[in-house]
Amino acid sequence: MLLLQASEGDEEAFARLFRIYRDKLYAFTYTISRSKEIAEDVVQDVFLKIWQQRGRLNTIDNFNAFVFRMS
């Protein structure tokens, strides 16, 4: 439901997706990079790209896999 709402431009739905995934994605990228700055940048870049291409969110079957693959 959040993906559909975000794909339609719902900023609150997108913010909820961000809040759900930000810490997990940060931990994942920090483990790989060992850099707080890089991990923060990756999280920000991933969600910026997702927002820019939000019209395609409703076609994603597994958002968890999608977001981690992007990072």
PDB file of N, CA and C in Angstrom:
ATOM      1  N   MET A   1       0.819  -1.188   0.000  1.00  0.00           N
ATOM      2  CA  MET A   1       0.000   0.000   0.000  1.00  0.00           C
ATOM      3  C   MET A   1       0.871   1.263   0.000  1.00  0.00           C
ATOM      4  N   LEU A   2       1.933   1.249   0.795  1.00  0.00           N
ATOM      5  CA  LEU A   2       2.822   2.415   0.836  1.00  0.00           C
ATOM      6  C   LEU A   2       3.466   2.669  -0.523  1.00  0.00           C
ATOM      7  N   LEU A   3       3.846   1.605  -1.205  1.00  0.00           N
ATOM      8  CA  LEU A   3       4.471   1.772  -2.515  1.00  0.00           C
ATOM      9  C   LEU A   3       3.503   2.406  -3.500  1.00  0.00           C
ATOM     10  N   LEU A   4       2.271   1.970  -3.474  1.00  0.00           N
ATOM     11  CA  LEU A   4       1.264   2.549  -4.366  1.00  0.00           C
ATOM     12  C   LEU A   4       1.043   4.017  -4.042  1.00  0.00           C
ATOM     13  N   GLN A   5       0.908   4.329  -2.778  1.00  0.00           N
ATOM     14  CA  GLN A   5       0.698   5.723  -2.368  1.00  0.00           C
ATOM     15  C   GLN A   5       1.896   6.592  -2.741  1.00  0.00           C
ATOM     16  N   ALA A   6       3.103   6.085  -2.483  1.00  0.00           N
ATOM     17  CA  ALA A   6       4.307   6.844  -2.821  1.00  0.00           C
ATOM     18  C   ALA A   6       4.428   7.016  -4.325  1.00  0.00           C
ATOM     19  N   SER A   7       4.041   5.999  -5.082  1.00  0.00           N
ATOM     20  CA  SER A   7       4.129   6.094  -6.546  1.00  0.00           C
ATOM     21  C   SER A   7       3.198   7.168  -7.092  1.00  0.00           C
ATOM     22  N   GLU A   8       2.177   7.497  -6.330  1.00  0.00           N
ATOM     23  CA  GLU A   8       1.232   8.540  -6.728  1.00  0.00           C
ATOM     24  C   GLU A   8       1.628   9.909  -6.188  1.00  0.00           C
ATOM     25  N   GLY A   9       2.814   9.985  -5.560  1.00  0.00           N
ATOM     26  CA  GLY A   9       3.329  11.258  -5.084  1.00  0.00           C
ATOM     27  C   GLY A   9       3.011  11.586  -3.640  1.00  0.00           C
ATOM     28  N   ASP A  10       2.508  10.623  -2.888  1.00  0.00           N
ATOM     29  CA  ASP A  10       2.176  10.839  -1.477  1.00  0.00           C
ATOM     30  C   ASP A  10       3.477  10.940  -0.669  1.00  0.00           C
ATOM     31  N   GLU A  11       3.810  12.150  -0.251  1.00  0.00           N
ATOM     32  CA  GLU A  11       5.071  12.380   0.456  1.00  0.00           C
ATOM     33  C   GLU A  11       5.099  11.710   1.825  1.00  0.00           C
ATOM     34  N   GLU A  12       3.970  11.640   2.503  1.00  0.00           N
ATOM     35  CA  GLU A  12       3.929  10.988   3.813  1.00  0.00           C
ATOM     36  C   GLU A  12       4.180   9.489   3.675  1.00  0.00           C
ATOM     37  N   ALA A  13       3.624   8.861   2.657  1.00  0.00           N
ATOM     38  CA  ALA A  13       3.874   7.433   2.422  1.00  0.00           C
ATOM     39  C   ALA A  13       5.352   7.205   2.118  1.00  0.00           C
ATOM     40  N   PHE A  14       5.934   8.092   1.328  1.00  0.00           N
ATOM     41  CA  PHE A  14       7.356   7.978   1.023  1.00  0.00           C
ATOM     42  C   PHE A  14       8.193   8.159   2.293  1.00  0.00           C
ATOM     43  N   ALA A  15       7.817   9.114   3.121  1.00  0.00           N
ATOM     44  CA  ALA A  15       8.539   9.344   4.376  1.00  0.00           C
ATOM     45  C   ALA A  15       8.447   8.119   5.280  1.00  0.00           C
ATOM     46  N   ARG A  16       7.309   7.453   5.290  1.00  0.00           N
ATOM     47  CA  ARG A  16       7.174   6.240   6.097  1.00  0.00           C
ATOM     48  C   ARG A  16       8.071   5.134   5.559  1.00  0.00           C
ATOM     49  N   LEU A  17       8.133   4.985   4.241  1.00  0.00           N
ATOM     50  CA  LEU A  17       9.061   4.009   3.650  1.00  0.00           C
ATOM     51  C   LEU A  17      10.492   4.320   4.065  1.00  0.00           C
ATOM     52  N   PHE A  18      10.849   5.584   4.004  1.00  0.00           N
ATOM     53  CA  PHE A  18      12.195   6.005   4.397  1.00  0.00           C
ATOM     54  C   PHE A  18      12.467   5.647   5.853  1.00  0.00           C
ATOM     55  N   ARG A  19      11.527   5.941   6.735  1.00  0.00           N
ATOM     56  CA  ARG A  19      11.713   5.645   8.158  1.00  0.00           C
ATOM     57  C   ARG A  19      11.828   4.146   8.410  1.00  0.00           C
ATOM     58  N   ILE A  20      11.104   3.349   7.657  1.00  0.00           N
ATOM     59  CA  ILE A  20      11.148   1.892   7.819  1.00  0.00           C
ATOM     60  C   ILE A  20      12.499   1.327   7.394  1.00  0.00           C
ATOM     61  N   TYR A  21      13.062   1.845   6.316  1.00  0.00           N
ATOM     62  CA  TYR A  21      14.264   1.248   5.715  1.00  0.00           C
ATOM     63  C   TYR A  21      15.576   1.966   6.020  1.00  0.00           C
ATOM     64  N   ARG A  22      15.519   3.187   6.494  1.00  0.00           N
ATOM     65  CA  ARG A  22      16.748   3.973   6.651  1.00  0.00           C
ATOM     66  C   ARG A  22      17.776   3.304   7.542  1.00  0.00           C
ATOM     67  N   ASP A  23      17.381   2.845   8.717  1.00  0.00           N
ATOM     68  CA  ASP A  23      18.354   2.262   9.648  1.00  0.00           C
ATOM     69  C   ASP A  23      18.925   0.937   9.140  1.00  0.00           C
ATOM     70  N   LYS A  24      18.059   0.112   8.555  1.00  0.00           N
ATOM     71  CA  LYS A  24      18.534  -1.175   8.015  1.00  0.00           C
ATOM     72  C   LYS A  24      19.505  -0.949   6.860  1.00  0.00           C
ATOM     73  N   LEU A  25      19.166  -0.022   5.993  1.00  0.00           N
ATOM     74  CA  LEU A  25      20.018   0.261   4.845  1.00  0.00           C
ATOM     75  C   LEU A  25      21.332   0.906   5.291  1.00  0.00           C
ATOM     76  N   TYR A  26      21.239   1.800   6.270  1.00  0.00           N
ATOM     77  CA  TYR A  26      22.450   2.424   6.805  1.00  0.00           C
ATOM     78  C   TYR A  26      23.378   1.353   7.390  1.00  0.00           C
ATOM     79  N   ALA A  27      22.830   0.454   8.201  1.00  0.00           N
ATOM     80  CA  ALA A  27      23.652  -0.595   8.824  1.00  0.00           C
ATOM     81  C   ALA A  27      24.305  -1.470   7.763  1.00  0.00           C
ATOM     82  N   PHE A  28      23.551  -1.803   6.737  1.00  0.00           N
ATOM     83  CA  PHE A  28      24.076  -2.633   5.654  1.00  0.00           C
ATOM     84  C   PHE A  28      25.230  -1.931   4.933  1.00  0.00           C
ATOM     85  N   THR A  29      25.029  -0.679   4.572  1.00  0.00           N
ATOM     86  CA  THR A  29      26.075   0.029   3.831  1.00  0.00           C
ATOM     87  C   THR A  29      27.267   0.382   4.725  1.00  0.00           C
ATOM     88  N   TYR A  30      27.005   0.607   6.012  1.00  0.00           N
ATOM     89  CA  TYR A  30      28.116   0.870   6.931  1.00  0.00           C
ATOM     90  C   TYR A  30      28.981  -0.382   7.078  1.00  0.00           C
ATOM     91  N   THR A  31      28.360  -1.540   7.135  1.00  0.00           N
ATOM     92  CA  THR A  31      29.100  -2.800   7.252  1.00  0.00           C
ATOM     93  C   THR A  31      30.050  -2.978   6.074  1.00  0.00           C
ATOM     94  N   ILE A  32      29.600  -2.588   4.914  1.00  0.00           N
ATOM     95  CA  ILE A  32      30.421  -2.729   3.707  1.00  0.00           C
ATOM     96  C   ILE A  32      31.492  -1.644   3.628  1.00  0.00           C
ATOM     97  N   SER A  33      31.100  -0.407   3.893  1.00  0.00           N
ATOM     98  CA  SER A  33      32.013   0.723   3.674  1.00  0.00           C
ATOM     99  C   SER A  33      32.867   1.072   4.889  1.00  0.00           C
ATOM    100  N   ARG A  34      32.383   0.749   6.083  1.00  0.00           N
ATOM    101  CA  ARG A  34      33.051   1.142   7.326  1.00  0.00           C
ATOM    102  C   ARG A  34      33.211   2.661   7.432  1.00  0.00           C
ATOM    103  N   SER A  35      32.289   3.371   6.822  1.00  0.00           N
ATOM    104  CA  SER A  35      32.324   4.831   6.848  1.00  0.00           C
ATOM    105  C   SER A  35      30.926   5.373   7.098  1.00  0.00           C
ATOM    106  N   LYS A  36      30.785   6.161   8.164  1.00  0.00           N
ATOM    107  CA  LYS A  36      29.489   6.764   8.470  1.00  0.00           C
ATOM    108  C   LYS A  36      29.045   7.690   7.341  1.00  0.00           C
ATOM    109  N   GLU A  37      29.982   8.459   6.819  1.00  0.00           N
ATOM    110  CA  GLU A  37      29.651   9.421   5.773  1.00  0.00           C
ATOM    111  C   GLU A  37      29.182   8.725   4.494  1.00  0.00           C
ATOM    112  N   ILE A  38      29.895   7.682   4.106  1.00  0.00           N
ATOM    113  CA  ILE A  38      29.512   6.946   2.897  1.00  0.00           C
ATOM    114  C   ILE A  38      28.154   6.277   3.103  1.00  0.00           C
ATOM    115  N   ALA A  39      27.959   5.669   4.252  1.00  0.00           N
ATOM    116  CA  ALA A  39      26.680   5.005   4.523  1.00  0.00           C
ATOM    117  C   ALA A  39      25.531   6.008   4.477  1.00  0.00           C
ATOM    118  N   GLU A  40      25.716   7.170   5.065  1.00  0.00           N
ATOM    119  CA  GLU A  40      24.674   8.207   5.030  1.00  0.00           C
ATOM    120  C   GLU A  40      24.416   8.674   3.603  1.00  0.00           C
ATOM    121  N   ASP A  41      25.490   8.863   2.845  1.00  0.00           N
ATOM    122  CA  ASP A  41      25.341   9.292   1.445  1.00  0.00           C
ATOM    123  C   ASP A  41      24.600   8.255   0.607  1.00  0.00           C
ATOM    124  N   VAL A  42      24.923   7.001   0.812  1.00  0.00           N
ATOM    125  CA  VAL A  42      24.265   5.943   0.045  1.00  0.00           C
ATOM    126  C   VAL A  42      22.769   5.919   0.352  1.00  0.00           C
ATOM    127  N   VAL A  43      22.417   5.979   1.621  1.00  0.00           N
ATOM    128  CA  VAL A  43      21.000   5.982   1.998  1.00  0.00           C
ATOM    129  C   VAL A  43      20.289   7.166   1.349  1.00  0.00           C
ATOM    130  N   GLN A  44      20.892   8.331   1.437  1.00  0.00           N
ATOM    131  CA  GLN A  44      20.287   9.522   0.843  1.00  0.00           C
ATOM    132  C   GLN A  44      20.165   9.379  -0.680  1.00  0.00           C
ATOM    133  N   ASP A  45      21.205   8.900  -1.327  1.00  0.00           N
ATOM    134  CA  ASP A  45      21.192   8.738  -2.783  1.00  0.00           C
ATOM    135  C   ASP A  45      20.143   7.721  -3.232  1.00  0.00           C
ATOM    136  N   VAL A  46      20.047   6.612  -2.514  1.00  0.00           N
ATOM    137  CA  VAL A  46      19.078   5.575  -2.867  1.00  0.00           C
ATOM    138  C   VAL A  46      17.661   6.136  -2.787  1.00  0.00           C
ATOM    139  N   PHE A  47      17.357   6.820  -1.694  1.00  0.00           N
ATOM    140  CA  PHE A  47      15.992   7.331  -1.551  1.00  0.00           C
ATOM    141  C   PHE A  47      15.712   8.518  -2.459  1.00  0.00           C
ATOM    142  N   LEU A  48      16.714   9.270  -2.811  1.00  0.00           N
ATOM    143  CA  LEU A  48      16.519  10.332  -3.808  1.00  0.00           C
ATOM    144  C   LEU A  48      16.155   9.709  -5.157  1.00  0.00           C
ATOM    145  N   LYS A  49      16.872   8.672  -5.554  1.00  0.00           N
ATOM    146  CA  LYS A  49      16.576   8.002  -6.829  1.00  0.00           C
ATOM    147  C   LYS A  49      15.192   7.354  -6.803  1.00  0.00           C
ATOM    148  N   ILE A  50      14.842   6.775  -5.668  1.00  0.00           N
ATOM    149  CA  ILE A  50      13.515   6.172  -5.556  1.00  0.00           C
ATOM    150  C   ILE A  50      12.445   7.251  -5.723  1.00  0.00           C
ATOM    151  N   TRP A  51      12.634   8.396  -5.081  1.00  0.00           N
ATOM    152  CA  TRP A  51      11.646   9.475  -5.209  1.00  0.00           C
ATOM    153  C   TRP A  51      11.575   9.984  -6.644  1.00  0.00           C
ATOM    154  N   GLN A  52      12.713  10.131  -7.271  1.00  0.00           N
ATOM    155  CA  GLN A  52      12.733  10.628  -8.645  1.00  0.00           C
ATOM    156  C   GLN A  52      12.035   9.663  -9.605  1.00  0.00           C
ATOM    157  N   GLN A  53      12.064   8.385  -9.294  1.00  0.00           N
ATOM    158  CA  GLN A  53      11.445   7.379 -10.154  1.00  0.00           C
ATOM    159  C   GLN A  53      10.216   6.764  -9.481  1.00  0.00           C
ATOM    160  N   ARG A  54       9.551   7.526  -8.633  1.00  0.00           N
ATOM    161  CA  ARG A  54       8.453   7.019  -7.821  1.00  0.00           C
ATOM    162  C   ARG A  54       7.297   6.461  -8.640  1.00  0.00           C
ATOM    163  N   GLY A  55       7.128   6.909  -9.856  1.00  0.00           N
ATOM    164  CA  GLY A  55       6.050   6.410 -10.692  1.00  0.00           C
ATOM    165  C   GLY A  55       6.148   4.922 -10.974  1.00  0.00           C
ATOM    166  N   ARG A  56       7.330   4.361 -10.785  1.00  0.00           N
ATOM    167  CA  ARG A  56       7.552   2.930 -11.030  1.00  0.00           C
ATOM    168  C   ARG A  56       7.423   2.082  -9.764  1.00  0.00           C
ATOM    169  N   LEU A  57       7.223   2.709  -8.624  1.00  0.00           N
ATOM    170  CA  LEU A  57       7.184   1.965  -7.363  1.00  0.00           C
ATOM    171  C   LEU A  57       6.085   0.916  -7.322  1.00  0.00           C
ATOM    172  N   ASN A  58       4.974   1.192  -7.964  1.00  0.00           N
ATOM    173  CA  ASN A  58       3.860   0.246  -7.905  1.00  0.00           C
ATOM    174  C   ASN A  58       4.131  -1.032  -8.699  1.00  0.00           C
ATOM    175  N   THR A  59       5.240  -1.094  -9.424  1.00  0.00           N
ATOM    176  CA  THR A  59       5.583  -2.296 -10.189  1.00  0.00           C
ATOM    177  C   THR A  59       6.582  -3.194  -9.453  1.00  0.00           C
ATOM    178  N   ILE A  60       7.047  -2.766  -8.302  1.00  0.00           N
ATOM    179  CA  ILE A  60       8.060  -3.513  -7.541  1.00  0.00           C
ATOM    180  C   ILE A  60       7.377  -4.555  -6.663  1.00  0.00           C
ATOM    181  N   ASP A  61       7.772  -5.802  -6.832  1.00  0.00           N
ATOM    182  CA  ASP A  61       7.188  -6.894  -6.048  1.00  0.00           C
ATOM    183  C   ASP A  61       7.833  -7.034  -4.675  1.00  0.00           C
ATOM    184  N   ASN A  62       9.147  -6.833  -4.592  1.00  0.00           N
ATOM    185  CA  ASN A  62       9.874  -7.010  -3.339  1.00  0.00           C
ATOM    186  C   ASN A  62      10.709  -5.758  -3.091  1.00  0.00           C
ATOM    187  N   PHE A  63      10.127  -4.793  -2.396  1.00  0.00           N
ATOM    188  CA  PHE A  63      10.805  -3.522  -2.163  1.00  0.00           C
ATOM    189  C   PHE A  63      12.067  -3.709  -1.334  1.00  0.00           C
ATOM    190  N   ASN A  64      12.032  -4.615  -0.371  1.00  0.00           N
ATOM    191  CA  ASN A  64      13.207  -4.866   0.459  1.00  0.00           C
ATOM    192  C   ASN A  64      14.401  -5.262  -0.408  1.00  0.00           C
ATOM    193  N   ALA A  65      14.216  -6.221  -1.277  1.00  0.00           N
ATOM    194  CA  ALA A  65      15.297  -6.656  -2.171  1.00  0.00           C
ATOM    195  C   ALA A  65      15.706  -5.519  -3.106  1.00  0.00           C
ATOM    196  N   PHE A  66      14.737  -4.783  -3.590  1.00  0.00           N
ATOM    197  CA  PHE A  66      14.994  -3.661  -4.513  1.00  0.00           C
ATOM    198  C   PHE A  66      15.892  -2.610  -3.865  1.00  0.00           C
ATOM    199  N   VAL A  67      15.533  -2.192  -2.665  1.00  0.00           N
ATOM    200  CA  VAL A  67      16.269  -1.110  -1.997  1.00  0.00           C
ATOM    201  C   VAL A  67      17.690  -1.557  -1.622  1.00  0.00           C
ATOM    202  N   PHE A  68      17.848  -2.796  -1.221  1.00  0.00           N
ATOM    203  CA  PHE A  68      19.189  -3.277  -0.875  1.00  0.00           C
ATOM    204  C   PHE A  68      20.034  -3.480  -2.129  1.00  0.00           C
ATOM    205  N   ARG A  69      19.423  -3.903  -3.197  1.00  0.00           N
ATOM    206  CA  ARG A  69      20.156  -4.045  -4.456  1.00  0.00           C
ATOM    207  C   ARG A  69      20.628  -2.681  -4.951  1.00  0.00           C
ATOM    208  N   MET A  70      19.785  -1.677  -4.794  1.00  0.00           N
ATOM    209  CA  MET A  70      20.172  -0.323  -5.219  1.00  0.00           C
ATOM    210  C   MET A  70      21.396   0.173  -4.456  1.00  0.00           C
ATOM    211  N   SER A  71      21.439  -0.172  -3.171  1.00  0.00           N
ATOM    212  CA  SER A  71      22.551   0.343  -2.358  1.00  0.00           C
ATOM    213  C   SER A  71      23.844  -0.342  -2.739  1.00  0.00           C
TER     214      SER A  71
END
